[in-house]
Amino acid sequence: MKGADERGFTFFTNLESRKARHLGENPSAALAFLWRELDRQVCVTGTVASITRGESEAYFRTRPREARIGAWASMQSRVVSSREELEAAYRETEARFPGDVPLPAHWGGLRLEPVEVEFWKGREHRLHDRFRFTRDAGGWRPERLWP
């Protein structure tokens, strides 16, 4: 996750990756944030949609040059024969873009727009606190759940 605001949770990926292909077929997804040391967890479920090319471009420009080259060089989720092949692809891409590294057409951002958010707090004897907030036409409806 690279951002969160009133619209949802934003992340970036190779749009030809397994993850992006799966989300293209079924845009329902979930995020889980675990803070084991604090005995806390937040789970978010919702629908994923592409963000604008301009938003992807703005974020891409903040990435280190090496990461931008890697976005071009990597055929994410596909089989690579060796580490040497991966490193050769990186070197070839680095030579291809001696200056600015533009945003690849196959790379961009997605946003999970939450429909449901659950907050979990671990408690003694497995009597955990669980609160679910479900979005409806009037806003967010809270409910307490059994552990």
N, C-alpha and C. Protein backbone atom coordinates (compact mmCIF):
# COMPACT_ATOMS: atom_id res chain seq x y z
N MET A 1 0.84 -1.17 0.00
CA MET A 1 0.00 0.00 0.00
C MET A 1 0.89 1.24 0.00
N LYS A 2 0.58 2.16 -0.88
CA LYS A 2 1.38 3.38 -0.98
C LYS A 2 0.60 4.62 -0.60
N GLY A 3 -0.70 4.50 -0.39
CA GLY A 3 -1.47 5.67 0.00
C GLY A 3 -2.85 5.28 0.49
N ALA A 4 -3.40 6.13 1.35
CA ALA A 4 -4.75 5.95 1.85
C ALA A 4 -5.38 7.32 2.01
N ASP A 5 -6.60 7.46 1.52
CA ASP A 5 -7.35 8.69 1.71
C ASP A 5 -8.84 8.36 1.69
N GLU A 6 -9.68 9.36 1.59
CA GLU A 6 -11.13 9.14 1.65
C GLU A 6 -11.64 8.29 0.48
N ARG A 7 -10.86 8.15 -0.58
CA ARG A 7 -11.26 7.34 -1.74
C ARG A 7 -10.92 5.88 -1.57
N GLY A 8 -9.92 5.57 -0.73
CA GLY A 8 -9.53 4.19 -0.53
C GLY A 8 -8.04 4.02 -0.34
N PHE A 9 -7.57 2.81 -0.63
CA PHE A 9 -6.19 2.39 -0.40
C PHE A 9 -5.52 2.15 -1.75
N THR A 10 -4.42 2.83 -2.01
CA THR A 10 -3.76 2.79 -3.31
C THR A 10 -2.49 1.95 -3.26
N PHE A 11 -2.31 1.16 -4.31
CA PHE A 11 -1.08 0.38 -4.48
C PHE A 11 -0.73 0.35 -5.96
N PHE A 12 0.52 -0.01 -6.26
CA PHE A 12 1.03 0.02 -7.62
C PHE A 12 1.62 -1.33 -7.99
N THR A 13 1.53 -1.66 -9.29
CA THR A 13 2.01 -2.96 -9.72
C THR A 13 2.20 -2.98 -11.23
N ASN A 14 2.84 -4.04 -11.70
CA ASN A 14 2.89 -4.33 -13.13
C ASN A 14 1.48 -4.78 -13.51
N LEU A 15 0.87 -4.10 -14.46
CA LEU A 15 -0.52 -4.38 -14.82
C LEU A 15 -0.69 -5.67 -15.62
N GLU A 16 0.44 -6.34 -15.92
CA GLU A 16 0.39 -7.65 -16.58
C GLU A 16 0.71 -8.78 -15.60
N SER A 17 0.87 -8.45 -14.32
CA SER A 17 1.20 -9.45 -13.30
C SER A 17 0.00 -10.34 -13.00
N ARG A 18 0.28 -11.43 -12.33
CA ARG A 18 -0.80 -12.34 -11.92
C ARG A 18 -1.82 -11.61 -11.06
N LYS A 19 -1.35 -10.80 -10.12
CA LYS A 19 -2.23 -10.05 -9.24
C LYS A 19 -3.17 -9.14 -10.06
N ALA A 20 -2.61 -8.39 -10.98
CA ALA A 20 -3.43 -7.47 -11.79
C ALA A 20 -4.40 -8.22 -12.69
N ARG A 21 -3.95 -9.35 -13.25
CA ARG A 21 -4.85 -10.16 -14.09
C ARG A 21 -6.01 -10.71 -13.27
N HIS A 22 -5.72 -11.20 -12.07
CA HIS A 22 -6.78 -11.71 -11.20
C HIS A 22 -7.77 -10.62 -10.83
N LEU A 23 -7.26 -9.44 -10.51
CA LEU A 23 -8.15 -8.34 -10.15
C LEU A 23 -8.96 -7.86 -11.36
N GLY A 24 -8.42 -8.02 -12.56
CA GLY A 24 -9.18 -7.69 -13.77
C GLY A 24 -10.35 -8.63 -13.97
N GLU A 25 -10.18 -9.89 -13.57
CA GLU A 25 -11.24 -10.89 -13.69
C GLU A 25 -12.25 -10.77 -12.55
N ASN A 26 -11.76 -10.44 -11.36
CA ASN A 26 -12.62 -10.32 -10.19
C ASN A 26 -12.10 -9.17 -9.34
N PRO A 27 -12.72 -7.99 -9.44
CA PRO A 27 -12.19 -6.81 -8.76
C PRO A 27 -12.45 -6.75 -7.26
N SER A 28 -12.99 -7.81 -6.67
CA SER A 28 -13.17 -7.84 -5.22
C SER A 28 -11.84 -8.24 -4.57
N ALA A 29 -11.48 -7.53 -3.50
CA ALA A 29 -10.20 -7.81 -2.86
C ALA A 29 -10.25 -7.45 -1.38
N ALA A 30 -9.20 -7.84 -0.67
CA ALA A 30 -9.09 -7.55 0.76
C ALA A 30 -7.66 -7.16 1.09
N LEU A 31 -7.53 -6.34 2.10
CA LEU A 31 -6.23 -5.96 2.65
C LEU A 31 -6.24 -6.32 4.12
N ALA A 32 -5.12 -6.76 4.64
CA ALA A 32 -5.02 -7.04 6.08
C ALA A 32 -3.76 -6.38 6.61
N PHE A 33 -3.92 -5.68 7.71
CA PHE A 33 -2.81 -5.02 8.39
C PHE A 33 -2.72 -5.60 9.79
N LEU A 34 -1.60 -6.23 10.10
CA LEU A 34 -1.41 -6.89 11.39
C LEU A 34 -0.31 -6.19 12.17
N TRP A 35 -0.60 -5.87 13.41
CA TRP A 35 0.38 -5.34 14.34
C TRP A 35 0.44 -6.35 15.49
N ARG A 36 1.21 -7.42 15.29
CA ARG A 36 1.28 -8.53 16.25
C ARG A 36 1.68 -8.05 17.64
N GLU A 37 2.67 -7.16 17.72
CA GLU A 37 3.17 -6.69 19.01
C GLU A 37 2.09 -5.95 19.80
N LEU A 38 1.14 -5.34 19.09
CA LEU A 38 0.06 -4.60 19.74
C LEU A 38 -1.23 -5.41 19.86
N ASP A 39 -1.21 -6.63 19.30
CA ASP A 39 -2.40 -7.48 19.29
C ASP A 39 -3.57 -6.78 18.59
N ARG A 40 -3.27 -6.21 17.42
CA ARG A 40 -4.28 -5.47 16.66
C ARG A 40 -4.22 -5.90 15.20
N GLN A 41 -5.38 -5.83 14.56
CA GLN A 41 -5.46 -6.11 13.12
C GLN A 41 -6.60 -5.31 12.53
N VAL A 42 -6.40 -4.88 11.29
CA VAL A 42 -7.46 -4.22 10.53
C VAL A 42 -7.58 -4.94 9.20
N CYS A 43 -8.80 -5.34 8.84
CA CYS A 43 -9.07 -5.98 7.55
C CYS A 43 -10.03 -5.09 6.77
N VAL A 44 -9.70 -4.88 5.50
CA VAL A 44 -10.51 -4.03 4.64
C VAL A 44 -10.91 -4.84 3.42
N THR A 45 -12.20 -4.82 3.06
CA THR A 45 -12.65 -5.48 1.84
C THR A 45 -13.36 -4.45 0.97
N GLY A 46 -13.28 -4.67 -0.32
CA GLY A 46 -13.92 -3.73 -1.24
C GLY A 46 -13.68 -4.10 -2.67
N THR A 47 -13.80 -3.09 -3.52
CA THR A 47 -13.67 -3.25 -4.95
C THR A 47 -12.45 -2.48 -5.43
N VAL A 48 -11.71 -3.08 -6.36
CA VAL A 48 -10.49 -2.48 -6.88
C VAL A 48 -10.76 -1.90 -8.27
N ALA A 49 -10.26 -0.69 -8.49
CA ALA A 49 -10.36 -0.03 -9.79
C ALA A 49 -9.03 0.67 -10.08
N SER A 50 -8.75 0.88 -11.35
CA SER A 50 -7.54 1.60 -11.76
C SER A 50 -7.62 3.06 -11.35
N ILE A 51 -6.47 3.62 -11.01
CA ILE A 51 -6.41 5.06 -10.78
C ILE A 51 -6.02 5.72 -12.11
N THR A 52 -6.01 7.04 -12.15
CA THR A 52 -5.70 7.74 -13.40
C THR A 52 -4.23 7.57 -13.77
N ARG A 53 -3.95 7.68 -15.02
CA ARG A 53 -2.56 7.60 -15.51
C ARG A 53 -1.74 8.73 -14.89
N GLY A 54 -2.36 9.89 -14.71
CA GLY A 54 -1.66 11.02 -14.08
C GLY A 54 -1.25 10.71 -12.65
N GLU A 55 -2.12 10.05 -11.88
CA GLU A 55 -1.77 9.66 -10.51
C GLU A 55 -0.63 8.65 -10.51
N SER A 56 -0.67 7.69 -11.45
CA SER A 56 0.40 6.70 -11.54
C SER A 56 1.72 7.38 -11.90
N GLU A 57 1.66 8.30 -12.84
CA GLU A 57 2.86 9.04 -13.26
C GLU A 57 3.45 9.83 -12.10
N ALA A 58 2.61 10.50 -11.34
CA ALA A 58 3.10 11.29 -10.20
C ALA A 58 3.82 10.40 -9.19
N TYR A 59 3.23 9.25 -8.89
CA TYR A 59 3.90 8.35 -7.94
C TYR A 59 5.18 7.76 -8.54
N PHE A 60 5.14 7.35 -9.80
CA PHE A 60 6.30 6.74 -10.45
C PHE A 60 7.50 7.67 -10.37
N ARG A 61 7.28 8.96 -10.52
CA ARG A 61 8.37 9.96 -10.48
C ARG A 61 9.03 10.04 -9.10
N THR A 62 8.33 9.61 -8.04
CA THR A 62 8.91 9.65 -6.69
C THR A 62 9.80 8.45 -6.41
N ARG A 63 9.73 7.42 -7.25
CA ARG A 63 10.50 6.20 -7.01
C ARG A 63 11.97 6.40 -7.39
N PRO A 64 12.87 5.72 -6.72
CA PRO A 64 14.28 5.81 -7.11
C PRO A 64 14.46 5.35 -8.56
N ARG A 65 15.45 5.91 -9.22
CA ARG A 65 15.73 5.56 -10.62
C ARG A 65 15.83 4.04 -10.80
N GLU A 66 16.53 3.36 -9.88
CA GLU A 66 16.72 1.92 -9.98
C GLU A 66 15.39 1.17 -9.95
N ALA A 67 14.45 1.64 -9.15
CA ALA A 67 13.13 1.00 -9.08
C ALA A 67 12.34 1.25 -10.36
N ARG A 68 12.51 2.43 -10.96
CA ARG A 68 11.83 2.72 -12.23
C ARG A 68 12.40 1.84 -13.35
N ILE A 69 13.71 1.64 -13.35
CA ILE A 69 14.32 0.74 -14.33
C ILE A 69 13.80 -0.68 -14.11
N GLY A 70 13.72 -1.10 -12.84
CA GLY A 70 13.21 -2.42 -12.52
C GLY A 70 11.78 -2.64 -12.99
N ALA A 71 10.97 -1.59 -12.96
CA ALA A 71 9.58 -1.71 -13.43
C ALA A 71 9.55 -2.03 -14.92
N TRP A 72 10.49 -1.49 -15.67
CA TRP A 72 10.60 -1.80 -17.11
C TRP A 72 11.18 -3.18 -17.34
N ALA A 73 12.21 -3.53 -16.56
CA ALA A 73 12.97 -4.76 -16.81
C ALA A 73 12.23 -6.03 -16.41
N SER A 74 11.41 -5.93 -15.37
CA SER A 74 10.78 -7.14 -14.83
C SER A 74 9.50 -7.50 -15.57
N MET A 75 9.39 -8.77 -15.91
CA MET A 75 8.14 -9.31 -16.45
C MET A 75 7.46 -10.04 -15.29
N GLN A 76 6.99 -9.25 -14.34
CA GLN A 76 6.50 -9.75 -13.05
C GLN A 76 5.57 -10.95 -13.18
N SER A 77 5.82 -11.94 -12.35
CA SER A 77 5.02 -13.17 -12.23
C SER A 77 5.29 -14.19 -13.34
N ARG A 78 6.14 -13.85 -14.30
CA ARG A 78 6.47 -14.82 -15.35
C ARG A 78 7.74 -15.59 -14.95
N VAL A 79 7.95 -16.73 -15.55
CA VAL A 79 9.11 -17.55 -15.25
C VAL A 79 10.36 -16.90 -15.86
N VAL A 80 11.41 -16.82 -15.06
CA VAL A 80 12.71 -16.34 -15.53
C VAL A 80 13.70 -17.50 -15.38
N SER A 81 14.54 -17.70 -16.39
CA SER A 81 15.41 -18.88 -16.38
C SER A 81 16.53 -18.81 -15.36
N SER A 82 16.99 -17.59 -15.02
CA SER A 82 18.11 -17.48 -14.10
C SER A 82 18.23 -16.06 -13.57
N ARG A 83 19.02 -15.93 -12.53
CA ARG A 83 19.33 -14.59 -11.99
C ARG A 83 20.08 -13.77 -13.04
N GLU A 84 20.92 -14.44 -13.82
CA GLU A 84 21.69 -13.75 -14.85
C GLU A 84 20.76 -13.11 -15.89
N GLU A 85 19.69 -13.83 -16.27
CA GLU A 85 18.74 -13.28 -17.24
C GLU A 85 18.07 -12.03 -16.67
N LEU A 86 17.70 -12.08 -15.40
CA LEU A 86 17.07 -10.93 -14.73
C LEU A 86 18.02 -9.73 -14.70
N GLU A 87 19.26 -9.97 -14.32
CA GLU A 87 20.24 -8.89 -14.24
C GLU A 87 20.58 -8.34 -15.63
N ALA A 88 20.61 -9.20 -16.64
CA ALA A 88 20.86 -8.74 -18.02
C ALA A 88 19.72 -7.84 -18.49
N ALA A 89 18.49 -8.21 -18.17
CA ALA A 89 17.33 -7.38 -18.54
C ALA A 89 17.42 -6.02 -17.88
N TYR A 90 17.87 -5.99 -16.63
CA TYR A 90 18.03 -4.72 -15.92
C TYR A 90 19.09 -3.86 -16.62
N ARG A 91 20.25 -4.46 -16.93
CA ARG A 91 21.33 -3.70 -17.58
C ARG A 91 20.89 -3.17 -18.95
N GLU A 92 20.17 -3.99 -19.71
CA GLU A 92 19.68 -3.55 -21.03
C GLU A 92 18.71 -2.37 -20.88
N THR A 93 17.85 -2.44 -19.89
CA THR A 93 16.89 -1.36 -19.66
C THR A 93 17.61 -0.10 -19.21
N GLU A 94 18.60 -0.26 -18.35
CA GLU A 94 19.39 0.87 -17.87
C GLU A 94 20.07 1.58 -19.04
N ALA A 95 20.61 0.82 -19.99
CA ALA A 95 21.25 1.39 -21.17
C ALA A 95 20.22 2.06 -22.09
N ARG A 96 19.03 1.51 -22.14
CA ARG A 96 17.95 2.06 -22.99
C ARG A 96 17.50 3.43 -22.51
N PHE A 97 17.55 3.64 -21.19
CA PHE A 97 17.11 4.92 -20.61
C PHE A 97 18.26 5.56 -19.83
N PRO A 98 19.24 6.16 -20.55
CA PRO A 98 20.37 6.77 -19.85
C PRO A 98 19.98 8.02 -19.06
N GLY A 99 18.88 8.64 -19.43
CA GLY A 99 18.40 9.83 -18.72
C GLY A 99 17.13 9.52 -17.96
N ASP A 100 16.07 10.19 -18.35
CA ASP A 100 14.78 10.00 -17.71
C ASP A 100 14.24 8.60 -17.95
N VAL A 101 13.59 8.03 -16.95
CA VAL A 101 12.95 6.72 -17.08
C VAL A 101 11.44 6.97 -17.06
N PRO A 102 10.78 6.86 -18.22
CA PRO A 102 9.35 7.16 -18.28
C PRO A 102 8.49 6.05 -17.66
N LEU A 103 7.26 6.37 -17.40
CA LEU A 103 6.30 5.40 -16.87
C LEU A 103 5.97 4.37 -17.94
N PRO A 104 6.16 3.07 -17.66
CA PRO A 104 5.81 2.05 -18.65
C PRO A 104 4.29 1.96 -18.82
N ALA A 105 3.86 1.59 -20.00
CA ALA A 105 2.42 1.42 -20.25
C ALA A 105 1.86 0.27 -19.43
N HIS A 106 2.72 -0.69 -19.07
CA HIS A 106 2.27 -1.88 -18.34
C HIS A 106 2.36 -1.73 -16.83
N TRP A 107 2.48 -0.52 -16.32
CA TRP A 107 2.67 -0.30 -14.89
C TRP A 107 1.73 0.79 -14.44
N GLY A 108 1.08 0.61 -13.29
CA GLY A 108 0.18 1.66 -12.82
C GLY A 108 -0.40 1.35 -11.46
N GLY A 109 -1.33 2.20 -11.07
CA GLY A 109 -1.90 2.11 -9.74
C GLY A 109 -3.32 1.59 -9.74
N LEU A 110 -3.65 0.98 -8.61
CA LEU A 110 -4.99 0.47 -8.37
C LEU A 110 -5.43 0.99 -7.01
N ARG A 111 -6.73 1.14 -6.85
CA ARG A 111 -7.25 1.61 -5.57
C ARG A 111 -8.35 0.67 -5.09
N LEU A 112 -8.20 0.20 -3.85
CA LEU A 112 -9.26 -0.58 -3.22
C LEU A 112 -10.20 0.41 -2.54
N GLU A 113 -11.44 0.44 -3.02
CA GLU A 113 -12.47 1.30 -2.43
C GLU A 113 -13.20 0.48 -1.39
N PRO A 114 -13.05 0.80 -0.10
CA PRO A 114 -13.57 -0.06 0.95
C PRO A 114 -15.10 -0.08 1.02
N VAL A 115 -15.61 -1.28 1.29
CA VAL A 115 -17.03 -1.49 1.53
C VAL A 115 -17.22 -1.92 2.98
N GLU A 116 -16.16 -2.56 3.51
CA GLU A 116 -16.23 -3.07 4.88
C GLU A 116 -14.84 -2.97 5.51
N VAL A 117 -14.81 -2.53 6.78
CA VAL A 117 -13.56 -2.44 7.53
C VAL A 117 -13.80 -3.09 8.89
N GLU A 118 -12.92 -4.03 9.25
CA GLU A 118 -13.04 -4.69 10.54
C GLU A 118 -11.80 -4.42 11.38
N PHE A 119 -12.04 -4.02 12.62
CA PHE A 119 -10.97 -3.77 13.58
C PHE A 119 -11.01 -4.89 14.61
N TRP A 120 -9.85 -5.51 14.85
CA TRP A 120 -9.73 -6.61 15.79
C TRP A 120 -8.71 -6.25 16.85
N LYS A 121 -9.06 -6.50 18.11
CA LYS A 121 -8.13 -6.30 19.22
C LYS A 121 -8.11 -7.59 20.02
N GLY A 122 -6.93 -8.19 20.12
CA GLY A 122 -6.78 -9.42 20.88
C GLY A 122 -7.00 -9.17 22.36
N ARG A 123 -7.73 -10.08 22.99
CA ARG A 123 -8.00 -9.99 24.42
C ARG A 123 -7.77 -11.34 25.07
N GLU A 124 -7.76 -11.35 26.38
CA GLU A 124 -7.55 -12.56 27.16
C GLU A 124 -8.66 -13.59 26.91
N HIS A 125 -8.30 -14.86 26.99
CA HIS A 125 -9.24 -15.99 26.87
C HIS A 125 -9.97 -16.01 25.52
N ARG A 126 -9.34 -15.46 24.51
CA ARG A 126 -9.92 -15.38 23.16
C ARG A 126 -11.23 -14.59 23.12
N LEU A 127 -11.44 -13.73 24.08
CA LEU A 127 -12.62 -12.86 24.09
C LEU A 127 -12.25 -11.55 23.41
N HIS A 128 -11.81 -11.66 22.17
CA HIS A 128 -11.31 -10.53 21.40
C HIS A 128 -12.42 -9.53 21.09
N ASP A 129 -12.03 -8.29 20.89
CA ASP A 129 -12.96 -7.26 20.43
C ASP A 129 -12.89 -7.21 18.91
N ARG A 130 -14.07 -7.26 18.28
CA ARG A 130 -14.16 -7.14 16.83
C ARG A 130 -15.27 -6.16 16.50
N PHE A 131 -14.92 -5.17 15.71
CA PHE A 131 -15.89 -4.17 15.26
C PHE A 131 -15.84 -4.09 13.75
N ARG A 132 -17.00 -4.20 13.13
CA ARG A 132 -17.08 -4.12 11.67
C ARG A 132 -17.87 -2.86 11.31
N PHE A 133 -17.34 -2.14 10.32
CA PHE A 133 -18.02 -0.96 9.78
C PHE A 133 -18.33 -1.26 8.32
N THR A 134 -19.61 -1.21 7.97
CA THR A 134 -20.05 -1.52 6.62
C THR A 134 -20.62 -0.25 5.99
N ARG A 135 -20.14 0.05 4.79
CA ARG A 135 -20.59 1.25 4.07
C ARG A 135 -21.96 1.00 3.46
N ASP A 136 -22.85 1.94 3.68
CA ASP A 136 -24.16 1.90 3.02
C ASP A 136 -24.50 3.32 2.58
N ALA A 137 -25.69 3.53 2.07
CA ALA A 137 -26.07 4.84 1.53
C ALA A 137 -25.96 5.96 2.56
N GLY A 138 -26.11 5.64 3.83
CA GLY A 138 -26.06 6.66 4.88
C GLY A 138 -24.69 6.86 5.49
N GLY A 139 -23.69 6.16 5.02
CA GLY A 139 -22.35 6.27 5.60
C GLY A 139 -21.84 4.92 6.05
N TRP A 140 -21.26 4.89 7.24
CA TRP A 140 -20.68 3.65 7.79
C TRP A 140 -21.53 3.15 8.95
N ARG A 141 -21.97 1.90 8.87
CA ARG A 141 -22.80 1.28 9.91
C ARG A 141 -21.90 0.40 10.77
N PRO A 142 -21.81 0.70 12.09
CA PRO A 142 -20.95 -0.10 12.98
C PRO A 142 -21.70 -1.29 13.56
N GLU A 143 -20.94 -2.38 13.79
CA GLU A 143 -21.49 -3.57 14.45
C GLU A 143 -20.37 -4.21 15.27
N ARG A 144 -20.74 -4.75 16.42
CA ARG A 144 -19.80 -5.55 17.20
C ARG A 144 -20.01 -7.01 16.78
N LEU A 145 -18.90 -7.74 16.60
CA LEU A 145 -18.96 -9.14 16.18
C LEU A 145 -18.49 -10.04 17.32
N TRP A 146 -19.03 -11.26 17.34
CA TRP A 146 -18.51 -12.26 18.25
C TRP A 146 -17.06 -12.55 17.86
N PRO A 147 -16.23 -12.88 18.86
CA PRO A 147 -14.83 -13.21 18.52
C PRO A 147 -14.73 -14.47 17.68
